Amino acid sequence: MNEIKTENYKFTQHKECEFFPCHPTQHPETFNCLFCYCPLYALGENCGGNYKYLENGIKDCSGCRVPHVKDRGYDHVMSKYGELMELARKK
């Protein structure tokens, strides 16, 4: 039996976007726009990305490409979904 491999939903690009790519990259052809706004921002230091905190306490993710990596970004975000659910859980 042939198993259908479904992976295309993990990657999308919006090349007409005025900000594409929104982070500097050597490989715009593999820049993933699926998580245009990173759902892991709320995890603070536990997001797993390349961030820094500014003097005013704001998290700056402009140096991060983790959610935008074609072959790993989706899987990384989904691996953190349980932590996001815990943040949203009504206590």
C-alpha atoms as a PDB file:
ATOM      1  CA  MET A   1       0.000   0.000   0.000  1.00  0.00           C
ATOM      2  CA  ASN A   2       1.370   3.434  -0.929  1.00  0.00           C
ATOM      3  CA  GLU A   3       1.460   5.870   1.939  1.00  0.00           C
ATOM      4  CA  ILE A   4       0.837   9.481   1.016  1.00  0.00           C
ATOM      5  CA  LYS A   5       3.464  11.771   2.443  1.00  0.00           C
ATOM      6  CA  THR A   6       1.876  15.050   3.493  1.00  0.00           C
ATOM      7  CA  GLU A   7       4.463  17.690   4.257  1.00  0.00           C
ATOM      8  CA  ASN A   8       3.458  20.641   2.086  1.00  0.00           C
ATOM      9  CA  TYR A   9       1.261  22.191   4.793  1.00  0.00           C
ATOM     10  CA  LYS A  10       4.430  22.906   6.792  1.00  0.00           C
ATOM     11  CA  PHE A  11       5.725  25.487   4.316  1.00  0.00           C
ATOM     12  CA  THR A  12       4.338  28.557   2.594  1.00  0.00           C
ATOM     13  CA  GLN A  13       5.714  31.776   1.169  1.00  0.00           C
ATOM     14  CA  HIS A  14       4.147  35.153   0.557  1.00  0.00           C
ATOM     15  CA  LYS A  15       6.653  36.709  -1.800  1.00  0.00           C
ATOM     16  CA  GLU A  16       4.332  39.629  -2.564  1.00  0.00           C
ATOM     17  CA  CYS A  17       4.455  40.692   1.103  1.00  0.00           C
ATOM     18  CA  GLU A  18       6.057  44.105   1.517  1.00  0.00           C
ATOM     19  CA  PHE A  19       8.289  42.663   4.234  1.00  0.00           C
ATOM     20  CA  PHE A  20       9.374  39.422   2.524  1.00  0.00           C
ATOM     21  CA  PRO A  21      11.664  38.139   3.847  1.00  0.00           C
ATOM     22  CA  CYS A  22      11.141  39.753   7.224  1.00  0.00           C
ATOM     23  CA  HIS A  23      14.537  38.564   8.502  1.00  0.00           C
ATOM     24  CA  PRO A  24      17.842  38.741   6.619  1.00  0.00           C
ATOM     25  CA  THR A  25      18.570  35.442   4.892  1.00  0.00           C
ATOM     26  CA  GLN A  26      21.021  34.021   2.380  1.00  0.00           C
ATOM     27  CA  HIS A  27      18.275  31.666   1.113  1.00  0.00           C
ATOM     28  CA  PRO A  28      14.978  33.480   0.492  1.00  0.00           C
ATOM     29  CA  GLU A  29      13.771  30.512  -1.584  1.00  0.00           C
ATOM     30  CA  THR A  30      13.517  28.407   1.597  1.00  0.00           C
ATOM     31  CA  PHE A  31      12.182  31.164   3.880  1.00  0.00           C
ATOM     32  CA  ASN A  32       8.987  29.894   5.514  1.00  0.00           C
ATOM     33  CA  CYS A  33       6.207  32.440   6.105  1.00  0.00           C
ATOM     34  CA  LEU A  34       3.844  29.980   7.816  1.00  0.00           C
ATOM     35  CA  PHE A  35       4.499  31.483  11.248  1.00  0.00           C
ATOM     36  CA  CYS A  36       4.603  35.115  10.196  1.00  0.00           C
ATOM     37  CA  TYR A  37       4.024  36.086  13.821  1.00  0.00           C
ATOM     38  CA  CYS A  38       5.792  33.559  16.010  1.00  0.00           C
ATOM     39  CA  PRO A  39       3.409  31.704  18.318  1.00  0.00           C
ATOM     40  CA  LEU A  40       6.345  31.008  20.646  1.00  0.00           C
ATOM     41  CA  TYR A  41       6.892  34.661  21.604  1.00  0.00           C
ATOM     42  CA  ALA A  42       4.776  34.159  24.723  1.00  0.00           C
ATOM     43  CA  LEU A  43       7.111  31.431  25.985  1.00  0.00           C
ATOM     44  CA  GLY A  44       9.775  34.041  26.713  1.00  0.00           C
ATOM     45  CA  GLU A  45      13.114  32.390  27.443  1.00  0.00           C
ATOM     46  CA  ASN A  46      11.686  28.915  26.722  1.00  0.00           C
ATOM     47  CA  CYS A  47      10.919  29.524  23.046  1.00  0.00           C
ATOM     48  CA  GLY A  48      14.143  27.933  21.802  1.00  0.00           C
ATOM     49  CA  GLY A  49      14.919  30.750  19.397  1.00  0.00           C
ATOM     50  CA  ASN A  50      17.621  33.343  18.984  1.00  0.00           C
ATOM     51  CA  TYR A  51      16.229  36.345  20.868  1.00  0.00           C
ATOM     52  CA  LYS A  52      17.458  39.063  23.175  1.00  0.00           C
ATOM     53  CA  TYR A  53      15.792  41.325  25.672  1.00  0.00           C
ATOM     54  CA  LEU A  54      16.045  45.058  25.136  1.00  0.00           C
ATOM     55  CA  GLU A  55      16.785  47.450  27.991  1.00  0.00           C
ATOM     56  CA  ASN A  56      13.067  48.202  28.286  1.00  0.00           C
ATOM     57  CA  GLY A  57      12.311  44.488  28.845  1.00  0.00           C
ATOM     58  CA  ILE A  58      10.806  43.820  25.412  1.00  0.00           C
ATOM     59  CA  LYS A  59      11.758  40.542  23.764  1.00  0.00           C
ATOM     60  CA  ASP A  60      13.486  41.217  20.426  1.00  0.00           C
ATOM     61  CA  CYS A  61      13.216  38.320  17.972  1.00  0.00           C
ATOM     62  CA  SER A  62      14.604  40.144  14.949  1.00  0.00           C
ATOM     63  CA  GLY A  63      17.676  37.868  14.935  1.00  0.00           C
ATOM     64  CA  CYS A  64      15.648  34.657  15.068  1.00  0.00           C
ATOM     65  CA  ARG A  65      14.868  32.460  12.094  1.00  0.00           C
ATOM     66  CA  VAL A  66      13.764  29.309  13.950  1.00  0.00           C
ATOM     67  CA  PRO A  67      10.100  29.363  12.808  1.00  0.00           C
ATOM     68  CA  HIS A  68      11.173  30.340   9.277  1.00  0.00           C
ATOM     69  CA  VAL A  69      13.485  27.362   8.574  1.00  0.00           C
ATOM     70  CA  LYS A  70      11.835  25.260   5.864  1.00  0.00           C
ATOM     71  CA  ASP A  71      12.646  21.772   7.127  1.00  0.00           C
ATOM     72  CA  ARG A  72      12.624  22.349  10.911  1.00  0.00           C
ATOM     73  CA  GLY A  73      10.563  25.410  11.818  1.00  0.00           C
ATOM     74  CA  TYR A  74       7.141  23.775  11.818  1.00  0.00           C
ATOM     75  CA  ASP A  75       8.308  20.781  13.856  1.00  0.00           C
ATOM     76  CA  HIS A  76      10.012  23.032  16.406  1.00  0.00           C
ATOM     77  CA  VAL A  77       6.910  25.179  16.891  1.00  0.00           C
ATOM     78  CA  MET A  78       4.703  22.108  17.248  1.00  0.00           C
ATOM     79  CA  SER A  79       7.109  20.571  19.783  1.00  0.00           C
ATOM     80  CA  LYS A  80       6.427  23.589  22.017  1.00  0.00           C
ATOM     81  CA  TYR A  81       2.641  23.477  21.647  1.00  0.00           C
ATOM     82  CA  GLY A  82       2.123  21.781  25.017  1.00  0.00           C
ATOM     83  CA  GLU A  83       3.883  24.664  26.759  1.00  0.00           C
ATOM     84  CA  LEU A  84       1.662  27.145  24.928  1.00  0.00           C
ATOM     85  CA  MET A  85      -1.447  25.230  25.972  1.00  0.00           C
ATOM     86  CA  GLU A  86      -0.294  25.349  29.577  1.00  0.00           C
ATOM     87  CA  LEU A  87       0.070  29.135  29.380  1.00  0.00           C
ATOM     88  CA  ALA A  88      -3.480  29.436  28.065  1.00  0.00           C
ATOM     89  CA  ARG A  89      -5.016  26.967  30.514  1.00  0.00           C
ATOM     90  CA  LYS A  90      -7.617  28.473  32.807  1.00  0.00           C
ATOM     91  CA  LYS A  91      -6.529  27.931  36.388  1.00  0.00           C
END
